[in-house]
Amino acid sequence: MRLEQFEEAINEKKVEMIKLGMRKGLQNEETIYCSQELDKLLNDYNRLLMEDKHSKPINPYVDLSSIILKHLQRILSIHHRYFFIN
């Protein structure tokens, strides 16, 4: 799967999880499962970013959490309009 496909899948899964959470609650089994699927997509996406040939080499002196946070912020900001779909 390419980065763009991951981003689209992540956005769709976020929308699904939000809808489930609002409809069935955050402790609902389906919501939790959906959240786990989203986690897997995010982990796979991040792994692909790290392996991407076009990525800059990772500087070992840079805090890895700041790299992950930067990419998560990018993911979360993509197509925020999907949150308002009924």
PDB file of N, CA and C in Angstrom:
ATOM      1  N   MET A   1       0.850  -1.175   0.000  1.00  0.00           N
ATOM      2  CA  MET A   1       0.000   0.000   0.000  1.00  0.00           C
ATOM      3  C   MET A   1       0.897   1.240   0.000  1.00  0.00           C
ATOM      4  N   ARG A   2       0.521   2.235  -0.759  1.00  0.00           N
ATOM      5  CA  ARG A   2       1.286   3.472  -0.847  1.00  0.00           C
ATOM      6  C   ARG A   2       0.861   4.436   0.249  1.00  0.00           C
ATOM      7  N   LEU A   3       1.684   5.456   0.484  1.00  0.00           N
ATOM      8  CA  LEU A   3       1.412   6.430   1.537  1.00  0.00           C
ATOM      9  C   LEU A   3       0.033   7.065   1.378  1.00  0.00           C
ATOM     10  N   GLU A   4      -0.303   7.443   0.145  1.00  0.00           N
ATOM     11  CA  GLU A   4      -1.596   8.094  -0.090  1.00  0.00           C
ATOM     12  C   GLU A   4      -2.753   7.154   0.247  1.00  0.00           C
ATOM     13  N   GLN A   5      -2.585   5.880  -0.083  1.00  0.00           N
ATOM     14  CA  GLN A   5      -3.627   4.900   0.226  1.00  0.00           C
ATOM     15  C   GLN A   5      -3.758   4.711   1.737  1.00  0.00           C
ATOM     16  N   PHE A   6      -2.627   4.689   2.424  1.00  0.00           N
ATOM     17  CA  PHE A   6      -2.666   4.589   3.884  1.00  0.00           C
ATOM     18  C   PHE A   6      -3.375   5.798   4.483  1.00  0.00           C
ATOM     19  N   GLU A   7      -3.054   6.986   3.982  1.00  0.00           N
ATOM     20  CA  GLU A   7      -3.673   8.202   4.513  1.00  0.00           C
ATOM     21  C   GLU A   7      -5.189   8.164   4.335  1.00  0.00           C
ATOM     22  N   GLU A   8      -5.636   7.709   3.173  1.00  0.00           N
ATOM     23  CA  GLU A   8      -7.072   7.609   2.927  1.00  0.00           C
ATOM     24  C   GLU A   8      -7.711   6.562   3.846  1.00  0.00           C
ATOM     25  N   ALA A   9      -7.067   5.413   3.982  1.00  0.00           N
ATOM     26  CA  ALA A   9      -7.588   4.347   4.852  1.00  0.00           C
ATOM     27  C   ALA A   9      -7.629   4.816   6.301  1.00  0.00           C
ATOM     28  N   ILE A  10      -6.622   5.554   6.725  1.00  0.00           N
ATOM     29  CA  ILE A  10      -6.574   6.075   8.095  1.00  0.00           C
ATOM     30  C   ILE A  10      -7.719   7.054   8.321  1.00  0.00           C
ATOM     31  N   ASN A  11      -7.940   7.938   7.368  1.00  0.00           N
ATOM     32  CA  ASN A  11      -9.040   8.903   7.511  1.00  0.00           C
ATOM     33  C   ASN A  11     -10.398   8.204   7.571  1.00  0.00           C
ATOM     34  N   GLU A  12     -10.588   7.207   6.723  1.00  0.00           N
ATOM     35  CA  GLU A  12     -11.852   6.464   6.731  1.00  0.00           C
ATOM     36  C   GLU A  12     -12.048   5.742   8.064  1.00  0.00           C
ATOM     37  N   LYS A  13     -10.978   5.153   8.590  1.00  0.00           N
ATOM     38  CA  LYS A  13     -11.070   4.420   9.852  1.00  0.00           C
ATOM     39  C   LYS A  13     -11.333   5.379  11.016  1.00  0.00           C
ATOM     40  N   LYS A  14     -10.748   6.588  10.952  1.00  0.00           N
ATOM     41  CA  LYS A  14     -10.996   7.590  11.995  1.00  0.00           C
ATOM     42  C   LYS A  14     -12.471   7.967  12.015  1.00  0.00           C
ATOM     43  N   VAL A  15     -13.021   8.203  10.834  1.00  0.00           N
ATOM     44  CA  VAL A  15     -14.440   8.574  10.739  1.00  0.00           C
ATOM     45  C   VAL A  15     -15.303   7.447  11.292  1.00  0.00           C
ATOM     46  N   GLU A  16     -14.994   6.224  10.894  1.00  0.00           N
ATOM     47  CA  GLU A  16     -15.755   5.063  11.372  1.00  0.00           C
ATOM     48  C   GLU A  16     -15.681   4.953  12.895  1.00  0.00           C
ATOM     49  N   MET A  17     -14.489   5.130  13.457  1.00  0.00           N
ATOM     50  CA  MET A  17     -14.317   5.003  14.896  1.00  0.00           C
ATOM     51  C   MET A  17     -15.069   6.106  15.648  1.00  0.00           C
ATOM     52  N   ILE A  18     -15.015   7.313  15.125  1.00  0.00           N
ATOM     53  CA  ILE A  18     -15.726   8.420  15.768  1.00  0.00           C
ATOM     54  C   ILE A  18     -17.228   8.161  15.750  1.00  0.00           C
ATOM     55  N   LYS A  19     -17.744   7.730  14.616  1.00  0.00           N
ATOM     56  CA  LYS A  19     -19.178   7.438  14.526  1.00  0.00           C
ATOM     57  C   LYS A  19     -19.576   6.321  15.495  1.00  0.00           C
ATOM     58  N   LEU A  20     -18.762   5.247  15.536  1.00  0.00           N
ATOM     59  CA  LEU A  20     -19.055   4.151  16.461  1.00  0.00           C
ATOM     60  C   LEU A  20     -19.009   4.635  17.895  1.00  0.00           C
ATOM     61  N   GLY A  21     -17.993   5.418  18.220  1.00  0.00           N
ATOM     62  CA  GLY A  21     -17.853   5.927  19.578  1.00  0.00           C
ATOM     63  C   GLY A  21     -19.023   6.802  19.993  1.00  0.00           C
ATOM     64  N   MET A  22     -19.504   7.615  19.071  1.00  0.00           N
ATOM     65  CA  MET A  22     -20.631   8.494  19.391  1.00  0.00           C
ATOM     66  C   MET A  22     -21.939   7.710  19.478  1.00  0.00           C
ATOM     67  N   ARG A  23     -22.074   6.690  18.651  1.00  0.00           N
ATOM     68  CA  ARG A  23     -23.314   5.926  18.616  1.00  0.00           C
ATOM     69  C   ARG A  23     -23.375   4.849  19.697  1.00  0.00           C
ATOM     70  N   LYS A  24     -22.261   4.151  19.899  1.00  0.00           N
ATOM     71  CA  LYS A  24     -22.285   2.996  20.792  1.00  0.00           C
ATOM     72  C   LYS A  24     -21.479   3.186  22.075  1.00  0.00           C
ATOM     73  N   GLY A  25     -20.662   4.225  22.124  1.00  0.00           N
ATOM     74  CA  GLY A  25     -19.848   4.480  23.306  1.00  0.00           C
ATOM     75  C   GLY A  25     -18.410   4.027  23.106  1.00  0.00           C
ATOM     76  N   LEU A  26     -17.524   4.632  23.893  1.00  0.00           N
ATOM     77  CA  LEU A  26     -16.100   4.356  23.741  1.00  0.00           C
ATOM     78  C   LEU A  26     -15.695   2.998  24.290  1.00  0.00           C
ATOM     79  N   GLN A  27     -16.471   2.445  25.184  1.00  0.00           N
ATOM     80  CA  GLN A  27     -16.136   1.147  25.766  1.00  0.00           C
ATOM     81  C   GLN A  27     -16.765  -0.016  25.004  1.00  0.00           C
ATOM     82  N   ASN A  28     -17.512   0.290  23.961  1.00  0.00           N
ATOM     83  CA  ASN A  28     -18.156  -0.748  23.164  1.00  0.00           C
ATOM     84  C   ASN A  28     -17.114  -1.601  22.452  1.00  0.00           C
ATOM     85  N   GLU A  29     -17.387  -2.881  22.350  1.00  0.00           N
ATOM     86  CA  GLU A  29     -16.463  -3.829  21.725  1.00  0.00           C
ATOM     87  C   GLU A  29     -16.123  -3.438  20.280  1.00  0.00           C
ATOM     88  N   GLU A  30     -17.115  -3.005  19.521  1.00  0.00           N
ATOM     89  CA  GLU A  30     -16.872  -2.619  18.124  1.00  0.00           C
ATOM     90  C   GLU A  30     -15.981  -1.379  18.036  1.00  0.00           C
ATOM     91  N   THR A  31     -16.214  -0.418  18.925  1.00  0.00           N
ATOM     92  CA  THR A  31     -15.401   0.799  18.941  1.00  0.00           C
ATOM     93  C   THR A  31     -13.957   0.473  19.276  1.00  0.00           C
ATOM     94  N   ILE A  32     -13.761  -0.381  20.248  1.00  0.00           N
ATOM     95  CA  ILE A  32     -12.409  -0.779  20.657  1.00  0.00           C
ATOM     96  C   ILE A  32     -11.708  -1.512  19.519  1.00  0.00           C
ATOM     97  N   TYR A  33     -12.415  -2.418  18.870  1.00  0.00           N
ATOM     98  CA  TYR A  33     -11.832  -3.155  17.744  1.00  0.00           C
ATOM     99  C   TYR A  33     -11.450  -2.196  16.612  1.00  0.00           C
ATOM    100  N   CYS A  34     -12.316  -1.243  16.336  1.00  0.00           N
ATOM    101  CA  CYS A  34     -12.051  -0.252  15.292  1.00  0.00           C
ATOM    102  C   CYS A  34     -10.816   0.576  15.663  1.00  0.00           C
ATOM    103  N   SER A  35     -10.689   0.929  16.933  1.00  0.00           N
ATOM    104  CA  SER A  35      -9.532   1.669  17.412  1.00  0.00           C
ATOM    105  C   SER A  35      -8.248   0.859  17.224  1.00  0.00           C
ATOM    106  N   GLN A  36      -8.326  -0.425  17.468  1.00  0.00           N
ATOM    107  CA  GLN A  36      -7.162  -1.298  17.275  1.00  0.00           C
ATOM    108  C   GLN A  36      -6.790  -1.391  15.790  1.00  0.00           C
ATOM    109  N   GLU A  37      -7.803  -1.422  14.932  1.00  0.00           N
ATOM    110  CA  GLU A  37      -7.530  -1.431  13.490  1.00  0.00           C
ATOM    111  C   GLU A  37      -6.852  -0.126  13.062  1.00  0.00           C
ATOM    112  N   LEU A  38      -7.319   0.987  13.627  1.00  0.00           N
ATOM    113  CA  LEU A  38      -6.705   2.283  13.333  1.00  0.00           C
ATOM    114  C   LEU A  38      -5.255   2.301  13.814  1.00  0.00           C
ATOM    115  N   ASP A  39      -5.008   1.773  14.999  1.00  0.00           N
ATOM    116  CA  ASP A  39      -3.634   1.692  15.509  1.00  0.00           C
ATOM    117  C   ASP A  39      -2.737   0.911  14.560  1.00  0.00           C
ATOM    118  N   LYS A  40      -3.247  -0.187  14.037  1.00  0.00           N
ATOM    119  CA  LYS A  40      -2.460  -1.006  13.114  1.00  0.00           C
ATOM    120  C   LYS A  40      -2.155  -0.224  11.829  1.00  0.00           C
ATOM    121  N   LEU A  41      -3.148   0.465  11.312  1.00  0.00           N
ATOM    122  CA  LEU A  41      -2.925   1.285  10.113  1.00  0.00           C
ATOM    123  C   LEU A  41      -1.867   2.358  10.376  1.00  0.00           C
ATOM    124  N   LEU A  42      -1.967   3.012  11.529  1.00  0.00           N
ATOM    125  CA  LEU A  42      -0.998   4.058  11.868  1.00  0.00           C
ATOM    126  C   LEU A  42       0.411   3.488  12.012  1.00  0.00           C
ATOM    127  N   ASN A  43       0.512   2.327  12.641  1.00  0.00           N
ATOM    128  CA  ASN A  43       1.820   1.684  12.795  1.00  0.00           C
ATOM    129  C   ASN A  43       2.402   1.287  11.444  1.00  0.00           C
ATOM    130  N   ASP A  44       1.566   0.720  10.573  1.00  0.00           N
ATOM    131  CA  ASP A  44       2.025   0.318   9.243  1.00  0.00           C
ATOM    132  C   ASP A  44       2.438   1.539   8.420  1.00  0.00           C
ATOM    133  N   TYR A  45       1.658   2.603   8.536  1.00  0.00           N
ATOM    134  CA  TYR A  45       1.958   3.849   7.836  1.00  0.00           C
ATOM    135  C   TYR A  45       3.304   4.400   8.299  1.00  0.00           C
ATOM    136  N   ASN A  46       3.494   4.424   9.592  1.00  0.00           N
ATOM    137  CA  ASN A  46       4.745   4.936  10.146  1.00  0.00           C
ATOM    138  C   ASN A  46       5.930   4.067   9.711  1.00  0.00           C
ATOM    139  N   ARG A  47       5.734   2.767   9.704  1.00  0.00           N
ATOM    140  CA  ARG A  47       6.786   1.847   9.265  1.00  0.00           C
ATOM    141  C   ARG A  47       7.151   2.128   7.797  1.00  0.00           C
ATOM    142  N   LEU A  48       6.126   2.356   6.978  1.00  0.00           N
ATOM    143  CA  LEU A  48       6.370   2.657   5.568  1.00  0.00           C
ATOM    144  C   LEU A  48       7.128   3.973   5.414  1.00  0.00           C
ATOM    145  N   LEU A  49       6.785   4.953   6.231  1.00  0.00           N
ATOM    146  CA  LEU A  49       7.507   6.226   6.181  1.00  0.00           C
ATOM    147  C   LEU A  49       8.984   6.024   6.487  1.00  0.00           C
ATOM    148  N   MET A  50       9.253   5.185   7.469  1.00  0.00           N
ATOM    149  CA  MET A  50      10.638   4.931   7.865  1.00  0.00           C
ATOM    150  C   MET A  50      11.408   4.188   6.764  1.00  0.00           C
ATOM    151  N   GLU A  51      10.720   3.348   6.008  1.00  0.00           N
ATOM    152  CA  GLU A  51      11.358   2.544   4.969  1.00  0.00           C
ATOM    153  C   GLU A  51      11.383   3.239   3.616  1.00  0.00           C
ATOM    154  N   ASP A  52      10.635   4.318   3.497  1.00  0.00           N
ATOM    155  CA  ASP A  52      10.489   5.006   2.217  1.00  0.00           C
ATOM    156  C   ASP A  52      11.852   5.455   1.685  1.00  0.00           C
ATOM    157  N   LYS A  53      12.128   5.093   0.453  1.00  0.00           N
ATOM    158  CA  LYS A  53      13.411   5.439  -0.161  1.00  0.00           C
ATOM    159  C   LYS A  53      13.596   6.946  -0.291  1.00  0.00           C
ATOM    160  N   HIS A  54      12.476   7.671  -0.364  1.00  0.00           N
ATOM    161  CA  HIS A  54      12.556   9.109  -0.552  1.00  0.00           C
ATOM    162  C   HIS A  54      12.648   9.866   0.763  1.00  0.00           C
ATOM    163  N   SER A  55      12.572   9.157   1.847  1.00  0.00           N
ATOM    164  CA  SER A  55      12.667   9.796   3.149  1.00  0.00           C
ATOM    165  C   SER A  55      14.102  10.212   3.419  1.00  0.00           C
ATOM    166  N   LYS A  56      14.225  11.235   4.200  1.00  0.00           N
ATOM    167  CA  LYS A  56      15.548  11.627   4.643  1.00  0.00           C
ATOM    168  C   LYS A  56      16.040  10.589   5.645  1.00  0.00           C
ATOM    169  N   PRO A  57      17.329  10.319   5.655  1.00  0.00           N
ATOM    170  CA  PRO A  57      17.837   9.386   6.665  1.00  0.00           C
ATOM    171  C   PRO A  57      17.555   9.910   8.064  1.00  0.00           C
ATOM    172  N   ILE A  58      17.240   9.012   8.952  1.00  0.00           N
ATOM    173  CA  ILE A  58      16.939   9.409  10.321  1.00  0.00           C
ATOM    174  C   ILE A  58      18.244   9.727  11.046  1.00  0.00           C
ATOM    175  N   ASN A  59      18.264  10.871  11.644  1.00  0.00           N
ATOM    176  CA  ASN A  59      19.405  11.270  12.452  1.00  0.00           C
ATOM    177  C   ASN A  59      19.274  10.597  13.811  1.00  0.00           C
ATOM    178  N   PRO A  60      20.245   9.761  14.198  1.00  0.00           N
ATOM    179  CA  PRO A  60      20.109   9.039  15.475  1.00  0.00           C
ATOM    180  C   PRO A  60      20.106   9.962  16.681  1.00  0.00           C
ATOM    181  N   TYR A  61      20.500  11.227  16.483  1.00  0.00           N
ATOM    182  CA  TYR A  61      20.536  12.166  17.606  1.00  0.00           C
ATOM    183  C   TYR A  61      19.214  12.913  17.783  1.00  0.00           C
ATOM    184  N   VAL A  62      18.285  12.677  16.864  1.00  0.00           N
ATOM    185  CA  VAL A  62      16.966  13.298  16.963  1.00  0.00           C
ATOM    186  C   VAL A  62      16.061  12.364  17.755  1.00  0.00           C
ATOM    187  N   ASP A  63      15.263  12.929  18.627  1.00  0.00           N
ATOM    188  CA  ASP A  63      14.347  12.151  19.442  1.00  0.00           C
ATOM    189  C   ASP A  63      13.290  11.496  18.552  1.00  0.00           C
ATOM    190  N   LEU A  64      13.206  10.159  18.588  1.00  0.00           N
ATOM    191  CA  LEU A  64      12.268   9.414  17.746  1.00  0.00           C
ATOM    192  C   LEU A  64      10.823   9.829  18.020  1.00  0.00           C
ATOM    193  N   SER A  65      10.507  10.137  19.264  1.00  0.00           N
ATOM    194  CA  SER A  65       9.129  10.526  19.569  1.00  0.00           C
ATOM    195  C   SER A  65       8.744  11.815  18.849  1.00  0.00           C
ATOM    196  N   SER A  66       9.683  12.719  18.641  1.00  0.00           N
ATOM    197  CA  SER A  66       9.350  13.952  17.920  1.00  0.00           C
ATOM    198  C   SER A  66       9.075  13.662  16.446  1.00  0.00           C
ATOM    199  N   ILE A  67       9.768  12.677  15.882  1.00  0.00           N
ATOM    200  CA  ILE A  67       9.525  12.282  14.495  1.00  0.00           C
ATOM    201  C   ILE A  67       8.123  11.681  14.373  1.00  0.00           C
ATOM    202  N   ILE A  68       7.802  10.778  15.274  1.00  0.00           N
ATOM    203  CA  ILE A  68       6.487  10.126  15.253  1.00  0.00           C
ATOM    204  C   ILE A  68       5.395  11.163  15.466  1.00  0.00           C
ATOM    205  N   LEU A  69       5.591  12.071  16.414  1.00  0.00           N
ATOM    206  CA  LEU A  69       4.596  13.105  16.685  1.00  0.00           C
ATOM    207  C   LEU A  69       4.357  13.966  15.450  1.00  0.00           C
ATOM    208  N   LYS A  70       5.431  14.317  14.746  1.00  0.00           N
ATOM    209  CA  LYS A  70       5.296  15.136  13.534  1.00  0.00           C
ATOM    210  C   LYS A  70       4.437  14.431  12.501  1.00  0.00           C
ATOM    211  N   HIS A  71       4.672  13.123  12.303  1.00  0.00           N
ATOM    212  CA  HIS A  71       3.904  12.373  11.315  1.00  0.00           C
ATOM    213  C   HIS A  71       2.469  12.165  11.767  1.00  0.00           C
ATOM    214  N   LEU A  72       2.243  11.951  13.050  1.00  0.00           N
ATOM    215  CA  LEU A  72       0.875  11.804  13.552  1.00  0.00           C
ATOM    216  C   LEU A  72       0.098  13.100  13.374  1.00  0.00           C
ATOM    217  N   GLN A  73       0.737  14.230  13.635  1.00  0.00           N
ATOM    218  CA  GLN A  73       0.072  15.516  13.443  1.00  0.00           C
ATOM    219  C   GLN A  73      -0.302  15.691  11.973  1.00  0.00           C
ATOM    220  N   ARG A  74       0.579  15.257  11.089  1.00  0.00           N
ATOM    221  CA  ARG A  74       0.286  15.339   9.648  1.00  0.00           C
ATOM    222  C   ARG A  74      -0.911  14.470   9.304  1.00  0.00           C
ATOM    223  N   ILE A  75      -0.935  13.249   9.833  1.00  0.00           N
ATOM    224  CA  ILE A  75      -2.029  12.322   9.560  1.00  0.00           C
ATOM    225  C   ILE A  75      -3.345  12.886  10.083  1.00  0.00           C
ATOM    226  N   LEU A  76      -3.313  13.395  11.313  1.00  0.00           N
ATOM    227  CA  LEU A  76      -4.543  13.878  11.932  1.00  0.00           C
ATOM    228  C   LEU A  76      -5.077  15.139  11.268  1.00  0.00           C
ATOM    229  N   SER A  77      -4.213  15.874  10.589  1.00  0.00           N
ATOM    230  CA  SER A  77      -4.673  17.100   9.940  1.00  0.00           C
ATOM    231  C   SER A  77      -5.197  16.852   8.527  1.00  0.00           C
ATOM    232  N   ILE A  78      -4.997  15.663   7.996  1.00  0.00           N
ATOM    233  CA  ILE A  78      -5.409  15.359   6.625  1.00  0.00           C
ATOM    234  C   ILE A  78      -6.931  15.253   6.553  1.00  0.00           C
ATOM    235  N   HIS A  79      -7.502  15.980   5.639  1.00  0.00           N
ATOM    236  CA  HIS A  79      -8.937  15.895   5.336  1.00  0.00           C
ATOM    237  C   HIS A  79      -9.793  15.941   6.596  1.00  0.00           C
ATOM    238  N   HIS A  80      -9.586  16.952   7.418  1.00  0.00           N
ATOM    239  CA  HIS A  80     -10.372  17.070   8.644  1.00  0.00           C
ATOM    240  C   HIS A  80     -11.861  17.229   8.361  1.00  0.00           C
ATOM    241  N   ARG A  81     -12.216  17.536   7.129  1.00  0.00           N
ATOM    242  CA  ARG A  81     -13.639  17.695   6.806  1.00  0.00           C
ATOM    243  C   ARG A  81     -14.404  16.380   6.941  1.00  0.00           C
ATOM    244  N   TYR A  82     -13.713  15.235   6.904  1.00  0.00           N
ATOM    245  CA  TYR A  82     -14.377  13.942   7.030  1.00  0.00           C
ATOM    246  C   TYR A  82     -15.047  13.784   8.394  1.00  0.00           C
ATOM    247  N   PHE A  83     -14.608  14.538   9.377  1.00  0.00           N
ATOM    248  CA  PHE A  83     -15.197  14.429  10.708  1.00  0.00           C
ATOM    249  C   PHE A  83     -16.634  14.931  10.726  1.00  0.00           C
ATOM    250  N   PHE A  84     -16.994  15.723   9.751  1.00  0.00           N
ATOM    251  CA  PHE A  84     -18.311  16.339   9.751  1.00  0.00           C
ATOM    252  C   PHE A  84     -19.288  15.660   8.825  1.00  0.00           C
ATOM    253  N   ILE A  85     -18.924  14.492   8.315  1.00  0.00           N
ATOM    254  CA  ILE A  85     -19.807  13.712   7.461  1.00  0.00           C
ATOM    255  C   ILE A  85     -20.839  13.000   8.338  1.00  0.00           C
ATOM    256  N   ASN A  86     -22.075  13.022   7.925  1.00  0.00           N
ATOM    257  CA  ASN A  86     -23.127  12.348   8.707  1.00  0.00           C
ATOM    258  C   ASN A  86     -23.132  10.870   8.438  1.00  0.00           C
TER     259      ASN A  86
END
